[in-house]
N, C-alpha and C. Protein backbone atom coordinates (compact mmCIF):
# COMPACT_ATOMS: atom_id res chain seq x y z
N MET A 1 -15.20 -7.39 -2.10
CA MET A 1 -14.04 -7.80 -1.34
C MET A 1 -14.48 -8.19 0.08
N ARG A 2 -14.03 -9.36 0.52
CA ARG A 2 -14.37 -9.82 1.87
C ARG A 2 -13.66 -8.99 2.92
N LYS A 3 -14.37 -8.65 3.96
CA LYS A 3 -13.82 -7.83 5.04
C LYS A 3 -13.07 -8.74 6.02
N THR A 4 -11.75 -8.81 5.85
CA THR A 4 -10.92 -9.68 6.67
C THR A 4 -9.93 -8.85 7.47
N ALA A 5 -9.25 -9.49 8.42
CA ALA A 5 -8.23 -8.81 9.22
C ALA A 5 -7.06 -8.37 8.34
N ILE A 6 -6.67 -9.20 7.38
CA ILE A 6 -5.57 -8.83 6.48
C ILE A 6 -5.96 -7.61 5.64
N TYR A 7 -7.18 -7.60 5.15
CA TYR A 7 -7.69 -6.48 4.36
C TYR A 7 -7.66 -5.20 5.21
N ALA A 8 -8.17 -5.26 6.42
CA ALA A 8 -8.19 -4.10 7.30
C ALA A 8 -6.78 -3.61 7.60
N GLU A 9 -5.87 -4.54 7.86
CA GLU A 9 -4.49 -4.16 8.16
C GLU A 9 -3.83 -3.48 6.97
N LEU A 10 -4.04 -4.00 5.77
CA LEU A 10 -3.45 -3.39 4.59
C LEU A 10 -4.00 -1.99 4.32
N VAL A 11 -5.28 -1.79 4.54
CA VAL A 11 -5.85 -0.45 4.37
C VAL A 11 -5.21 0.51 5.37
N GLY A 12 -5.04 0.08 6.61
CA GLY A 12 -4.40 0.92 7.63
C GLY A 12 -2.96 1.25 7.29
N ILE A 13 -2.21 0.26 6.83
CA ILE A 13 -0.82 0.47 6.44
C ILE A 13 -0.75 1.43 5.25
N ALA A 14 -1.61 1.21 4.27
CA ALA A 14 -1.63 2.07 3.07
C ALA A 14 -1.98 3.51 3.43
N LEU A 15 -2.95 3.71 4.29
CA LEU A 15 -3.32 5.07 4.70
C LEU A 15 -2.24 5.72 5.54
N GLY A 16 -1.52 4.93 6.31
CA GLY A 16 -0.48 5.49 7.16
C GLY A 16 0.81 5.79 6.43
N ASP A 17 1.36 4.80 5.74
CA ASP A 17 2.68 4.93 5.14
C ASP A 17 2.68 4.73 3.63
N GLY A 18 1.51 4.76 3.03
CA GLY A 18 1.42 4.45 1.61
C GLY A 18 1.11 5.64 0.73
N ASN A 19 1.21 5.39 -0.57
CA ASN A 19 0.91 6.38 -1.59
C ASN A 19 0.23 5.64 -2.73
N LEU A 20 -0.95 6.10 -3.09
CA LEU A 20 -1.71 5.50 -4.17
C LEU A 20 -1.63 6.43 -5.38
N GLY A 21 -1.15 5.90 -6.51
CA GLY A 21 -0.98 6.72 -7.70
C GLY A 21 -1.38 5.99 -8.97
N ASN A 22 -1.23 6.69 -10.09
CA ASN A 22 -1.64 6.16 -11.39
C ASN A 22 -0.45 5.89 -12.30
N TYR A 23 -0.49 4.77 -12.98
CA TYR A 23 0.32 4.49 -14.16
C TYR A 23 -0.64 4.62 -15.33
N PRO A 24 -0.14 4.62 -16.57
CA PRO A 24 -1.06 4.78 -17.71
C PRO A 24 -2.20 3.76 -17.76
N ARG A 25 -1.94 2.48 -17.43
CA ARG A 25 -3.00 1.48 -17.57
C ARG A 25 -3.42 0.83 -16.26
N CYS A 26 -2.87 1.25 -15.15
CA CYS A 26 -3.24 0.68 -13.86
C CYS A 26 -2.88 1.67 -12.75
N GLN A 27 -3.02 1.24 -11.53
CA GLN A 27 -2.66 2.07 -10.38
C GLN A 27 -1.58 1.36 -9.58
N TYR A 28 -0.89 2.11 -8.73
CA TYR A 28 0.13 1.51 -7.89
C TYR A 28 -0.08 1.91 -6.44
N LEU A 29 0.35 1.03 -5.57
CA LEU A 29 0.41 1.31 -4.15
C LEU A 29 1.86 1.19 -3.75
N ARG A 30 2.41 2.26 -3.21
CA ARG A 30 3.78 2.26 -2.70
C ARG A 30 3.71 2.47 -1.19
N ILE A 31 4.44 1.64 -0.47
CA ILE A 31 4.51 1.76 0.98
C ILE A 31 5.97 2.00 1.33
N TYR A 32 6.23 3.00 2.17
CA TYR A 32 7.57 3.46 2.49
C TYR A 32 7.98 3.01 3.90
N PHE A 33 9.25 2.59 4.02
CA PHE A 33 9.75 2.06 5.28
C PHE A 33 11.14 2.60 5.60
N ASN A 34 11.44 2.63 6.88
CA ASN A 34 12.81 2.82 7.35
C ASN A 34 13.55 1.52 7.06
N PRO A 35 14.72 1.56 6.44
CA PRO A 35 15.42 0.32 6.10
C PRO A 35 15.80 -0.54 7.30
N LYS A 36 15.81 0.03 8.48
CA LYS A 36 16.13 -0.73 9.70
C LYS A 36 14.98 -1.67 10.11
N GLN A 37 13.80 -1.48 9.54
CA GLN A 37 12.62 -2.27 9.88
C GLN A 37 12.52 -3.53 9.02
N LYS A 38 13.58 -4.31 8.95
CA LYS A 38 13.64 -5.46 8.05
C LYS A 38 12.52 -6.47 8.28
N GLN A 39 12.22 -6.79 9.54
CA GLN A 39 11.17 -7.77 9.83
C GLN A 39 9.79 -7.24 9.42
N TYR A 40 9.55 -5.95 9.68
CA TYR A 40 8.26 -5.35 9.31
C TYR A 40 8.11 -5.30 7.79
N ILE A 41 9.17 -4.97 7.07
CA ILE A 41 9.14 -4.95 5.61
C ILE A 41 8.77 -6.33 5.08
N LYS A 42 9.42 -7.34 5.62
CA LYS A 42 9.15 -8.72 5.20
C LYS A 42 7.69 -9.09 5.49
N TYR A 43 7.19 -8.70 6.67
CA TYR A 43 5.81 -8.98 7.06
C TYR A 43 4.82 -8.33 6.10
N VAL A 44 5.02 -7.05 5.79
CA VAL A 44 4.10 -6.33 4.90
C VAL A 44 4.19 -6.90 3.48
N LYS A 45 5.37 -7.28 3.06
CA LYS A 45 5.53 -7.88 1.73
C LYS A 45 4.70 -9.16 1.63
N ILE A 46 4.73 -9.98 2.66
CA ILE A 46 3.93 -11.21 2.68
C ILE A 46 2.44 -10.88 2.65
N LEU A 47 2.02 -9.88 3.45
CA LEU A 47 0.60 -9.47 3.44
C LEU A 47 0.16 -9.04 2.04
N LEU A 48 0.96 -8.19 1.40
CA LEU A 48 0.62 -7.71 0.05
C LEU A 48 0.49 -8.87 -0.93
N GLU A 49 1.45 -9.77 -0.88
CA GLU A 49 1.45 -10.86 -1.85
C GLU A 49 0.32 -11.85 -1.60
N ARG A 50 -0.03 -12.07 -0.35
CA ARG A 50 -1.17 -12.95 -0.05
C ARG A 50 -2.49 -12.30 -0.44
N PHE A 51 -2.64 -11.03 -0.12
CA PHE A 51 -3.90 -10.35 -0.38
C PHE A 51 -4.15 -10.18 -1.88
N PHE A 52 -3.13 -9.72 -2.61
CA PHE A 52 -3.30 -9.44 -4.03
C PHE A 52 -2.95 -10.62 -4.92
N ASN A 53 -2.42 -11.69 -4.33
CA ASN A 53 -2.01 -12.88 -5.09
C ASN A 53 -1.08 -12.49 -6.23
N LYS A 54 -0.11 -11.64 -5.89
CA LYS A 54 0.80 -11.08 -6.87
C LYS A 54 2.08 -10.66 -6.15
N LYS A 55 3.22 -10.80 -6.80
CA LYS A 55 4.50 -10.39 -6.22
C LYS A 55 4.58 -8.88 -6.13
N SER A 56 5.16 -8.39 -5.05
CA SER A 56 5.41 -6.96 -4.93
C SER A 56 6.86 -6.68 -5.32
N TYR A 57 7.14 -5.43 -5.58
CA TYR A 57 8.47 -5.00 -5.99
C TYR A 57 9.09 -4.24 -4.83
N GLU A 58 10.33 -4.57 -4.47
CA GLU A 58 11.02 -3.90 -3.36
C GLU A 58 12.25 -3.18 -3.90
N ARG A 59 12.43 -1.94 -3.46
CA ARG A 59 13.63 -1.21 -3.86
C ARG A 59 14.06 -0.25 -2.75
N PHE A 60 15.33 0.11 -2.79
CA PHE A 60 15.90 1.05 -1.84
C PHE A 60 16.26 2.32 -2.57
N ARG A 61 15.80 3.46 -2.05
CA ARG A 61 16.15 4.76 -2.65
C ARG A 61 17.28 5.37 -1.85
N LYS A 62 18.46 5.44 -2.46
CA LYS A 62 19.63 5.99 -1.77
C LYS A 62 19.45 7.46 -1.43
N ASP A 63 18.80 8.21 -2.32
CA ASP A 63 18.67 9.66 -2.11
C ASP A 63 17.83 10.01 -0.89
N THR A 64 16.84 9.18 -0.57
CA THR A 64 15.98 9.46 0.58
C THR A 64 16.20 8.48 1.73
N GLY A 65 16.91 7.39 1.45
CA GLY A 65 17.19 6.40 2.50
C GLY A 65 15.97 5.60 2.93
N VAL A 66 15.05 5.35 2.01
CA VAL A 66 13.86 4.57 2.35
C VAL A 66 13.76 3.31 1.48
N VAL A 67 13.09 2.32 2.03
CA VAL A 67 12.75 1.12 1.27
C VAL A 67 11.31 1.28 0.82
N ILE A 68 11.04 0.93 -0.43
CA ILE A 68 9.70 1.06 -0.99
C ILE A 68 9.23 -0.32 -1.45
N LEU A 69 8.04 -0.69 -1.00
CA LEU A 69 7.35 -1.85 -1.55
C LEU A 69 6.28 -1.32 -2.49
N GLU A 70 6.20 -1.88 -3.67
CA GLU A 70 5.21 -1.42 -4.64
C GLU A 70 4.47 -2.61 -5.25
N ILE A 71 3.19 -2.41 -5.43
CA ILE A 71 2.37 -3.38 -6.14
C ILE A 71 1.48 -2.59 -7.09
N SER A 72 1.26 -3.09 -8.29
CA SER A 72 0.41 -2.39 -9.25
C SER A 72 -0.71 -3.32 -9.70
N LYS A 73 -1.85 -2.70 -9.93
CA LYS A 73 -3.05 -3.46 -10.29
C LYS A 73 -4.12 -2.46 -10.72
N LYS A 74 -5.08 -2.91 -11.49
CA LYS A 74 -6.19 -2.04 -11.86
C LYS A 74 -7.12 -1.85 -10.66
N HIS A 75 -7.68 -0.67 -10.54
CA HIS A 75 -8.73 -0.33 -9.58
C HIS A 75 -8.30 -0.49 -8.11
N LEU A 76 -7.05 -0.20 -7.79
CA LEU A 76 -6.60 -0.26 -6.39
C LEU A 76 -7.38 0.72 -5.51
N ASP A 77 -7.76 1.86 -6.08
CA ASP A 77 -8.53 2.82 -5.30
C ASP A 77 -9.85 2.23 -4.83
N ALA A 78 -10.51 1.48 -5.67
CA ALA A 78 -11.78 0.84 -5.29
C ALA A 78 -11.55 -0.25 -4.25
N VAL A 79 -10.46 -0.99 -4.39
CA VAL A 79 -10.16 -2.06 -3.43
C VAL A 79 -9.84 -1.48 -2.05
N LEU A 80 -9.01 -0.43 -2.02
CA LEU A 80 -8.58 0.14 -0.74
C LEU A 80 -9.60 1.11 -0.15
N GLY A 81 -10.50 1.61 -0.97
CA GLY A 81 -11.58 2.46 -0.46
C GLY A 81 -11.24 3.92 -0.29
N TYR A 82 -10.19 4.39 -0.97
CA TYR A 82 -9.90 5.82 -0.97
C TYR A 82 -9.28 6.20 -2.32
N PRO A 83 -9.39 7.49 -2.71
CA PRO A 83 -8.97 7.89 -4.06
C PRO A 83 -7.46 8.03 -4.21
N VAL A 84 -7.03 7.99 -5.47
CA VAL A 84 -5.64 8.24 -5.83
C VAL A 84 -5.31 9.69 -5.50
N GLY A 85 -4.08 9.93 -5.06
CA GLY A 85 -3.65 11.30 -4.81
C GLY A 85 -3.35 11.56 -3.35
N ASP A 86 -3.30 12.81 -3.01
CA ASP A 86 -2.95 13.27 -1.67
C ASP A 86 -4.01 12.86 -0.65
N LYS A 87 -3.62 12.03 0.30
CA LYS A 87 -4.57 11.51 1.29
C LYS A 87 -5.10 12.63 2.19
N ILE A 88 -4.26 13.63 2.47
CA ILE A 88 -4.67 14.74 3.33
C ILE A 88 -5.69 15.63 2.60
N LYS A 89 -5.34 16.05 1.39
CA LYS A 89 -6.24 16.91 0.62
C LYS A 89 -7.56 16.20 0.31
N ASN A 90 -7.50 14.90 0.05
CA ASN A 90 -8.70 14.13 -0.24
C ASN A 90 -9.47 13.74 1.02
N GLN A 91 -8.91 14.05 2.17
CA GLN A 91 -9.50 13.70 3.47
C GLN A 91 -9.85 12.22 3.56
N SER A 92 -8.90 11.41 3.12
CA SER A 92 -9.09 9.95 3.14
C SER A 92 -9.07 9.45 4.58
N THR A 93 -10.02 8.59 4.90
CA THR A 93 -10.12 8.05 6.25
C THR A 93 -10.34 6.54 6.18
N MET A 94 -10.23 5.90 7.33
CA MET A 94 -10.48 4.46 7.42
C MET A 94 -11.95 4.20 7.08
N PRO A 95 -12.21 3.16 6.31
CA PRO A 95 -13.61 2.78 6.04
C PRO A 95 -14.35 2.48 7.35
N ALA A 96 -15.62 2.74 7.37
CA ALA A 96 -16.43 2.58 8.58
C ALA A 96 -16.41 1.14 9.12
N TRP A 97 -16.31 0.16 8.24
CA TRP A 97 -16.36 -1.24 8.70
C TRP A 97 -15.11 -1.62 9.51
N ILE A 98 -14.03 -0.90 9.33
CA ILE A 98 -12.80 -1.18 10.09
C ILE A 98 -12.94 -0.56 11.46
C-alpha cells in the first residue's frame, strides 16, 4: 500500500473513532460520528470510497444517537496496520511512517 496523506488520515480516523471487526468471510471498519457533524461525515465517506474504491454504508442508530459509516473488505487489519478487536487492549498505535 502506498503511503499517502489519505492513507495516513484514514488510519488516524480509524484509530480514533473506528472499530475493526470480523464478519464470517471478511472484516469491517465502522467509524462513529455525532450526527451534527454532517460535513465531516460526508468528508470521511468520500475518503473511504476513494481509498477503498468501494461504496461505504451509512446508518443512524436511534438507541445511541450516532451515525455509523461502515466498509467491509478482506484483510482490513493488514491494510490499516493494527489488529481486529479492542484497540486499547491490543495497544494499537499509529504506524511509524505516519
